Amino acid sequence: MAHIDVDTLLPNGHVKELVADGEMTQLTRGQTYADEGDTFEIDGDTYAVTTVEELTLGELTDEDAQREGSADLDAYKKRLVRAHGGDFEWDDDAAVVRHRFEAQ
């Protein structure tokens, strides 16, 4: 368990705002950026990483998409394409790491 720099897990200011506003409670990335029990801060508020799980894109659900600030899985897929400048193709078999967190 460590206190990590918020920039290690959350890639940009928009994502940090979503977390601070309670609209995002997980982030799925291509590799592990934090461990369960790690903490980080946004504007003086502390958040704890509660779960770190390896899975595939095909295992993500509408609930996952909603926890990441999207309306549903289809909207989440479209957001990923936009976020990667159109250079992203959804592959159900691609390995990813889901990081869940909550305010303390």
Protein backbone atom coordinates (compact mmCIF):
# COMPACT_ATOMS: atom_id res chain seq x y z
CA MET A 1 0.00 0.00 0.00
CA ALA A 2 1.44 3.33 -1.09
CA HIS A 3 0.40 6.90 -1.66
CA ILE A 4 0.77 7.41 -5.41
CA ASP A 5 0.87 10.53 -7.54
CA VAL A 6 -2.59 11.02 -9.06
CA ASP A 7 -0.98 11.44 -12.50
CA THR A 8 0.26 7.85 -12.29
CA LEU A 9 -3.29 6.47 -12.50
CA LEU A 10 -5.44 9.24 -13.95
CA PRO A 11 -4.15 10.36 -17.35
CA ASN A 12 -5.54 13.90 -17.63
CA GLY A 13 -7.41 16.77 -16.03
CA HIS A 14 -10.79 15.77 -17.47
CA VAL A 15 -10.57 12.32 -15.88
CA LYS A 16 -9.52 13.87 -12.55
CA GLU A 17 -12.58 16.14 -12.70
CA LEU A 18 -14.88 13.18 -13.36
CA VAL A 19 -13.43 11.35 -10.35
CA ALA A 20 -13.67 14.45 -8.12
CA ASP A 21 -17.30 14.94 -9.18
CA GLY A 22 -18.12 11.28 -8.37
CA GLU A 23 -18.93 10.50 -12.01
CA MET A 24 -16.05 8.02 -12.41
CA THR A 25 -15.20 5.28 -9.91
CA GLN A 26 -12.99 3.08 -12.06
CA LEU A 27 -10.52 3.34 -14.88
CA THR A 28 -9.52 0.56 -17.26
CA ARG A 29 -6.02 0.81 -18.69
CA GLY A 30 -3.67 -1.35 -20.70
CA GLN A 31 -1.49 -2.22 -17.72
CA THR A 32 -1.40 -1.96 -13.94
CA TYR A 33 -0.88 1.59 -12.66
CA ALA A 34 -1.76 1.06 -8.98
CA ASP A 35 -2.23 -1.72 -6.43
CA GLU A 36 -5.17 -2.43 -4.15
CA GLY A 37 -4.87 -0.24 -1.08
CA ASP A 38 -2.89 2.53 -2.81
CA THR A 39 -4.20 6.04 -2.25
CA PHE A 40 -4.09 9.25 -4.28
CA GLU A 41 -5.35 12.81 -3.83
CA ILE A 42 -7.36 15.21 -5.94
CA ASP A 43 -7.77 18.76 -4.60
CA GLY A 44 -7.07 17.63 -1.04
CA ASP A 45 -9.52 14.70 -1.13
CA THR A 46 -8.10 11.20 -0.69
CA TYR A 47 -9.17 8.22 -2.78
CA ALA A 48 -8.29 4.56 -2.23
CA VAL A 49 -7.81 1.93 -4.92
CA THR A 50 -10.17 -0.86 -3.87
CA THR A 51 -9.79 -3.37 -6.69
CA VAL A 52 -7.25 -4.08 -9.41
CA GLU A 53 -8.31 -6.86 -11.82
CA GLU A 54 -6.96 -8.21 -15.07
CA LEU A 55 -9.61 -9.00 -17.68
CA THR A 56 -10.29 -8.59 -21.40
CA LEU A 57 -12.17 -5.82 -23.18
CA GLY A 58 -14.83 -8.39 -24.05
CA GLU A 59 -15.54 -8.92 -20.35
CA LEU A 60 -16.44 -5.26 -19.74
CA THR A 61 -20.12 -4.56 -19.09
CA ASP A 62 -22.52 -1.62 -19.18
CA GLU A 63 -21.91 -1.28 -15.42
CA ASP A 64 -18.17 -0.92 -16.08
CA ALA A 65 -18.86 1.72 -18.72
CA GLN A 66 -21.09 3.63 -16.32
CA ARG A 67 -18.45 3.48 -13.57
CA GLU A 68 -16.10 5.06 -16.14
CA GLY A 69 -18.49 7.92 -16.85
CA SER A 70 -20.18 6.62 -20.02
CA ALA A 71 -23.89 5.92 -20.50
CA ASP A 72 -23.32 2.33 -21.65
CA LEU A 73 -20.75 0.04 -23.25
CA ASP A 74 -21.42 1.33 -26.78
CA ALA A 75 -20.82 4.94 -25.67
CA TYR A 76 -17.67 3.80 -23.84
CA LYS A 77 -16.32 2.12 -27.01
CA LYS A 78 -16.93 5.32 -29.00
CA ARG A 79 -15.20 7.37 -26.30
CA LEU A 80 -12.11 5.17 -26.49
CA VAL A 81 -11.89 5.67 -30.25
CA ARG A 82 -12.13 9.47 -29.78
CA ALA A 83 -9.64 9.45 -26.89
CA HIS A 84 -7.08 7.63 -29.05
CA GLY A 85 -7.52 10.00 -31.99
CA GLY A 86 -9.40 7.42 -34.04
CA ASP A 87 -6.45 5.02 -33.78
CA PHE A 88 -8.18 2.40 -31.63
CA GLU A 89 -9.90 -0.80 -32.56
CA TRP A 90 -11.94 -2.68 -29.96
CA ASP A 91 -10.63 -6.25 -29.59
CA ASP A 92 -12.66 -8.43 -27.22
CA ASP A 93 -9.53 -10.48 -26.49
CA ALA A 94 -7.28 -7.53 -25.58
CA ALA A 95 -5.98 -7.74 -22.01
CA VAL A 96 -6.71 -4.73 -19.78
CA VAL A 97 -6.54 -3.86 -16.09
CA ARG A 98 -9.56 -2.47 -14.25
CA HIS A 99 -8.74 -0.10 -11.35
CA ARG A 100 -11.65 0.69 -9.01
CA PHE A 101 -11.40 3.41 -6.39
CA GLU A 102 -13.51 5.32 -3.88
CA ALA A 103 -13.34 8.51 -1.87
CA GLN A 104 -12.15 8.12 1.71
